[in-house]
């Protein structure tokens, strides 16, 4: 979405869903399975199952957002800061970061 930066204003919740999309892909089967087994059978077309599905979607997003904030974002920052090489002063190739004394 970098090409659209400054052209469109996205709602914060849309950006938050996009930020947490990887975590959502990873976590949603476990959240839905937990709700299916422990709370309500989502396979039956009942009003309670519809409410359960809304709760499941909300819990999936909440779990993904928390995972993004407390794990994915700090991990990305760590990798960018410590493991990805820095550009040389001339703007050429990336040089690996080597600790001093090695």
N, C-alpha and C. Protein backbone atom coordinates (compact mmCIF):
# COMPACT_ATOMS: atom_id res chain seq x y z
N UNK A 1 0.80 -1.18 0.00
CA UNK A 1 0.00 0.00 0.00
C UNK A 1 0.86 1.26 0.00
N UNK A 2 2.16 1.10 -0.05
CA UNK A 2 3.02 2.27 -0.04
C UNK A 2 2.76 3.19 -1.22
N UNK A 3 2.37 2.61 -2.35
CA UNK A 3 2.11 3.44 -3.52
C UNK A 3 0.87 4.31 -3.34
N UNK A 4 0.00 3.95 -2.43
CA UNK A 4 -1.22 4.72 -2.18
C UNK A 4 -1.08 5.65 -0.98
N UNK A 5 0.09 5.66 -0.36
CA UNK A 5 0.30 6.47 0.83
C UNK A 5 0.08 7.95 0.50
N UNK A 6 -0.75 8.58 1.26
CA UNK A 6 -1.04 9.99 1.05
C UNK A 6 -2.18 10.22 0.07
N UNK A 7 -2.57 9.22 -0.70
CA UNK A 7 -3.66 9.38 -1.67
C UNK A 7 -4.99 9.02 -1.01
N UNK A 8 -5.02 7.91 -0.29
CA UNK A 8 -6.23 7.45 0.38
C UNK A 8 -6.01 7.49 1.88
N UNK A 9 -7.05 7.81 2.60
CA UNK A 9 -7.03 7.71 4.05
C UNK A 9 -7.78 6.44 4.44
N UNK A 10 -7.07 5.51 5.03
CA UNK A 10 -7.69 4.27 5.46
C UNK A 10 -8.11 4.38 6.91
N UNK A 11 -9.21 3.76 7.24
CA UNK A 11 -9.64 3.72 8.63
C UNK A 11 -8.61 2.94 9.44
N UNK A 12 -8.43 3.32 10.70
CA UNK A 12 -7.44 2.66 11.55
C UNK A 12 -7.71 1.17 11.68
N UNK A 13 -8.97 0.76 11.75
CA UNK A 13 -9.27 -0.65 11.93
C UNK A 13 -8.92 -1.46 10.68
N UNK A 14 -9.00 -0.84 9.51
CA UNK A 14 -8.61 -1.53 8.27
C UNK A 14 -7.10 -1.75 8.27
N UNK A 15 -6.36 -0.74 8.67
CA UNK A 15 -4.90 -0.86 8.75
C UNK A 15 -4.52 -1.90 9.81
N UNK A 16 -5.22 -1.91 10.94
CA UNK A 16 -4.93 -2.88 12.01
C UNK A 16 -5.17 -4.31 11.53
N UNK A 17 -6.22 -4.53 10.77
CA UNK A 17 -6.48 -5.87 10.23
C UNK A 17 -5.37 -6.26 9.26
N UNK A 18 -4.95 -5.33 8.43
CA UNK A 18 -3.85 -5.62 7.50
C UNK A 18 -2.55 -5.92 8.21
N UNK A 19 -2.26 -5.16 9.26
CA UNK A 19 -1.03 -5.39 10.03
C UNK A 19 -1.03 -6.78 10.66
N UNK A 20 -2.17 -7.20 11.16
CA UNK A 20 -2.25 -8.47 11.87
C UNK A 20 -2.64 -9.64 10.98
N UNK A 21 -2.63 -9.46 9.67
CA UNK A 21 -3.13 -10.51 8.78
C UNK A 21 -2.32 -11.80 8.84
N UNK A 22 -1.00 -11.69 8.98
CA UNK A 22 -0.18 -12.92 9.08
C UNK A 22 -0.53 -13.68 10.36
N UNK A 23 -0.61 -12.95 11.47
CA UNK A 23 -0.99 -13.59 12.73
C UNK A 23 -2.40 -14.17 12.64
N UNK A 24 -3.29 -13.49 11.95
CA UNK A 24 -4.65 -13.99 11.78
C UNK A 24 -4.66 -15.29 10.99
N UNK A 25 -3.85 -15.36 9.94
CA UNK A 25 -3.75 -16.59 9.15
C UNK A 25 -3.27 -17.76 10.00
N UNK A 26 -2.34 -17.47 10.90
CA UNK A 26 -1.77 -18.53 11.73
C UNK A 26 -2.72 -18.96 12.85
N UNK A 27 -3.38 -18.00 13.49
CA UNK A 27 -4.14 -18.28 14.71
C UNK A 27 -5.60 -18.66 14.52
N UNK A 28 -6.23 -18.24 13.43
CA UNK A 28 -7.68 -18.41 13.33
C UNK A 28 -8.16 -19.86 13.42
N UNK A 29 -7.45 -20.85 12.89
CA UNK A 29 -7.98 -22.22 13.03
C UNK A 29 -8.06 -22.67 14.49
N UNK A 30 -7.09 -22.26 15.29
CA UNK A 30 -7.07 -22.68 16.69
C UNK A 30 -8.16 -21.99 17.49
N UNK A 31 -8.41 -20.73 17.24
CA UNK A 31 -9.47 -20.01 17.93
C UNK A 31 -10.83 -20.59 17.56
N UNK A 32 -11.05 -20.80 16.27
CA UNK A 32 -12.34 -21.34 15.83
C UNK A 32 -12.54 -22.76 16.37
N UNK A 33 -11.50 -23.56 16.36
CA UNK A 33 -11.61 -24.92 16.88
C UNK A 33 -11.92 -24.90 18.38
N UNK A 34 -11.31 -23.99 19.12
CA UNK A 34 -11.59 -23.86 20.55
C UNK A 34 -13.06 -23.52 20.77
N UNK A 35 -13.57 -22.54 20.04
CA UNK A 35 -14.96 -22.14 20.19
C UNK A 35 -15.88 -23.29 19.79
N UNK A 36 -15.54 -23.96 18.70
CA UNK A 36 -16.35 -25.09 18.21
C UNK A 36 -16.44 -26.20 19.26
N UNK A 37 -15.32 -26.52 19.91
CA UNK A 37 -15.29 -27.65 20.84
C UNK A 37 -15.74 -27.28 22.25
N UNK A 38 -15.46 -26.08 22.70
CA UNK A 38 -15.69 -25.74 24.10
C UNK A 38 -16.91 -24.86 24.35
N UNK A 39 -17.35 -24.08 23.36
CA UNK A 39 -18.40 -23.11 23.63
C UNK A 39 -19.70 -23.47 22.91
N UNK A 40 -19.67 -23.54 21.57
CA UNK A 40 -20.90 -23.78 20.82
C UNK A 40 -20.57 -24.46 19.50
N UNK A 41 -21.48 -25.32 19.07
CA UNK A 41 -21.34 -26.00 17.79
C UNK A 41 -21.70 -25.02 16.67
N UNK A 42 -20.71 -24.64 15.90
CA UNK A 42 -20.91 -23.65 14.84
C UNK A 42 -21.45 -24.27 13.54
N UNK A 43 -21.58 -25.59 13.50
CA UNK A 43 -22.05 -26.27 12.30
C UNK A 43 -23.57 -26.22 12.13
N UNK A 44 -24.29 -25.98 13.21
CA UNK A 44 -25.75 -25.96 13.15
C UNK A 44 -26.25 -24.56 12.81
N UNK A 45 -27.21 -24.45 11.88
CA UNK A 45 -27.72 -23.12 11.49
C UNK A 45 -28.75 -22.59 12.49
N UNK A 46 -28.26 -22.21 13.66
CA UNK A 46 -29.13 -21.66 14.69
C UNK A 46 -28.72 -20.22 14.98
N UNK A 47 -29.59 -19.52 15.70
CA UNK A 47 -29.27 -18.16 16.08
C UNK A 47 -28.03 -18.13 16.98
N UNK A 48 -27.93 -19.10 17.88
CA UNK A 48 -26.77 -19.17 18.77
C UNK A 48 -25.48 -19.40 17.98
N UNK A 49 -25.55 -20.18 16.92
CA UNK A 49 -24.37 -20.42 16.09
C UNK A 49 -23.96 -19.15 15.35
N UNK A 50 -24.93 -18.35 14.94
CA UNK A 50 -24.61 -17.08 14.28
C UNK A 50 -23.91 -16.14 15.25
N UNK A 51 -24.44 -16.06 16.47
CA UNK A 51 -23.80 -15.24 17.50
C UNK A 51 -22.41 -15.80 17.80
N UNK A 52 -22.29 -17.12 17.86
CA UNK A 52 -20.99 -17.76 18.08
C UNK A 52 -20.00 -17.44 16.98
N UNK A 53 -20.49 -17.36 15.74
CA UNK A 53 -19.60 -17.03 14.62
C UNK A 53 -19.11 -15.59 14.72
N UNK A 54 -19.98 -14.68 15.13
CA UNK A 54 -19.57 -13.29 15.33
C UNK A 54 -18.53 -13.21 16.46
N UNK A 55 -18.77 -13.94 17.53
CA UNK A 55 -17.80 -13.99 18.64
C UNK A 55 -16.49 -14.59 18.15
N UNK A 56 -16.56 -15.63 17.32
CA UNK A 56 -15.35 -16.27 16.80
C UNK A 56 -14.53 -15.30 15.96
N UNK A 57 -15.18 -14.56 15.07
CA UNK A 57 -14.47 -13.59 14.24
C UNK A 57 -13.81 -12.53 15.11
N UNK A 58 -14.54 -12.05 16.11
CA UNK A 58 -13.99 -11.03 17.02
C UNK A 58 -12.80 -11.57 17.80
N UNK A 59 -12.93 -12.79 18.31
CA UNK A 59 -11.83 -13.39 19.08
C UNK A 59 -10.62 -13.67 18.19
N UNK A 60 -10.86 -14.08 16.95
CA UNK A 60 -9.75 -14.32 16.02
C UNK A 60 -8.98 -13.03 15.78
N UNK A 61 -9.71 -11.95 15.51
CA UNK A 61 -9.03 -10.68 15.26
C UNK A 61 -8.31 -10.19 16.50
N UNK A 62 -8.93 -10.31 17.67
CA UNK A 62 -8.30 -9.86 18.91
C UNK A 62 -7.02 -10.65 19.18
N UNK A 63 -7.08 -11.96 19.03
CA UNK A 63 -5.88 -12.79 19.24
C UNK A 63 -4.78 -12.42 18.25
N UNK A 64 -5.15 -12.21 16.99
CA UNK A 64 -4.16 -11.84 15.97
C UNK A 64 -3.56 -10.47 16.25
N UNK A 65 -4.39 -9.53 16.66
CA UNK A 65 -3.90 -8.18 16.95
C UNK A 65 -2.94 -8.18 18.13
N UNK A 66 -3.28 -8.92 19.19
CA UNK A 66 -2.39 -9.01 20.34
C UNK A 66 -1.08 -9.71 19.98
N UNK A 67 -1.16 -10.74 19.17
CA UNK A 67 0.05 -11.43 18.71
C UNK A 67 0.92 -10.48 17.89
N UNK A 68 0.29 -9.67 17.05
CA UNK A 68 1.04 -8.71 16.25
C UNK A 68 1.73 -7.68 17.14
N UNK A 69 1.02 -7.14 18.10
CA UNK A 69 1.57 -6.09 18.96
C UNK A 69 2.70 -6.62 19.84
N UNK A 70 2.50 -7.79 20.45
CA UNK A 70 3.45 -8.28 21.44
C UNK A 70 4.51 -9.24 20.91
N UNK A 71 4.33 -9.76 19.70
CA UNK A 71 5.33 -10.68 19.17
C UNK A 71 5.84 -10.27 17.79
N UNK A 72 4.92 -10.14 16.84
CA UNK A 72 5.33 -9.93 15.45
C UNK A 72 6.03 -8.59 15.24
N UNK A 73 5.46 -7.50 15.74
CA UNK A 73 6.08 -6.18 15.56
C UNK A 73 7.45 -6.11 16.25
N UNK A 74 7.57 -6.54 17.52
CA UNK A 74 8.92 -6.51 18.13
C UNK A 74 9.91 -7.42 17.40
N UNK A 75 9.46 -8.57 16.92
CA UNK A 75 10.36 -9.46 16.19
C UNK A 75 10.82 -8.81 14.88
N UNK A 76 9.91 -8.15 14.19
CA UNK A 76 10.29 -7.45 12.95
C UNK A 76 11.29 -6.34 13.22
N UNK A 77 11.06 -5.60 14.29
CA UNK A 77 12.01 -4.53 14.64
C UNK A 77 13.38 -5.09 14.97
N UNK A 78 13.41 -6.20 15.72
CA UNK A 78 14.67 -6.83 16.08
C UNK A 78 15.42 -7.28 14.83
N UNK A 79 14.71 -7.92 13.92
CA UNK A 79 15.36 -8.41 12.69
C UNK A 79 15.89 -7.24 11.87
N UNK A 80 15.08 -6.21 11.71
CA UNK A 80 15.53 -5.05 10.93
C UNK A 80 16.73 -4.37 11.57
N UNK A 81 16.73 -4.29 12.89
CA UNK A 81 17.81 -3.59 13.59
C UNK A 81 19.09 -4.42 13.65
N UNK A 82 18.98 -5.72 13.88
CA UNK A 82 20.15 -6.54 14.19
C UNK A 82 20.59 -7.52 13.10
N UNK A 83 19.74 -7.86 12.19
CA UNK A 83 20.09 -8.94 11.26
C UNK A 83 20.12 -8.54 9.81
N UNK A 84 19.50 -7.44 9.47
CA UNK A 84 19.50 -7.00 8.08
C UNK A 84 20.65 -6.02 7.91
N UNK A 85 21.43 -6.21 6.87
CA UNK A 85 22.59 -5.36 6.65
C UNK A 85 22.21 -3.91 6.41
N UNK A 86 23.14 -3.04 6.67
CA UNK A 86 22.94 -1.61 6.43
C UNK A 86 23.52 -1.25 5.07
N UNK A 87 22.94 -0.24 4.45
CA UNK A 87 23.47 0.22 3.16
C UNK A 87 24.78 0.95 3.39
N UNK A 88 25.68 0.81 2.43
CA UNK A 88 26.94 1.52 2.52
C UNK A 88 26.71 3.02 2.35
N UNK A 89 27.70 3.83 2.67
CA UNK A 89 27.57 5.28 2.60
C UNK A 89 27.28 5.75 1.18
N UNK A 90 27.72 5.01 0.18
CA UNK A 90 27.49 5.40 -1.21
C UNK A 90 26.12 4.95 -1.73
N UNK A 91 25.37 4.21 -0.90
CA UNK A 91 24.05 3.75 -1.31
C UNK A 91 24.10 2.50 -2.16
N UNK A 92 25.21 1.82 -2.18
CA UNK A 92 25.36 0.62 -3.00
C UNK A 92 24.84 -0.61 -2.30
N UNK A 93 25.63 -1.67 -2.35
CA UNK A 93 25.22 -2.95 -1.80
C UNK A 93 25.04 -2.87 -0.28
N UNK A 94 24.24 -3.80 0.21
CA UNK A 94 24.09 -3.89 1.65
C UNK A 94 25.27 -4.66 2.22
N UNK A 95 25.79 -4.16 3.32
CA UNK A 95 26.87 -4.84 4.01
C UNK A 95 26.31 -5.53 5.24
N UNK A 96 26.72 -6.77 5.52
CA UNK A 96 26.23 -7.43 6.72
C UNK A 96 26.77 -6.72 7.96
N UNK A 97 25.98 -6.76 9.02
CA UNK A 97 26.42 -6.17 10.28
C UNK A 97 27.30 -7.18 10.97
N UNK A 98 28.52 -6.80 11.25
CA UNK A 98 29.47 -7.68 11.94
C UNK A 98 29.82 -7.02 13.26
N UNK A 99 29.65 -7.71 14.38
CA UNK A 99 30.01 -7.14 15.66
C UNK A 99 31.49 -6.76 15.70
N UNK A 100 31.80 -5.71 16.44
CA UNK A 100 33.20 -5.24 16.55
C UNK A 100 34.06 -6.33 17.15
N UNK A 101 35.29 -6.42 16.65
CA UNK A 101 36.25 -7.40 17.18
C UNK A 101 36.20 -8.75 16.51
N UNK A 102 35.46 -8.88 15.45
CA UNK A 102 35.39 -10.18 14.75
C UNK A 102 35.88 -10.06 13.35
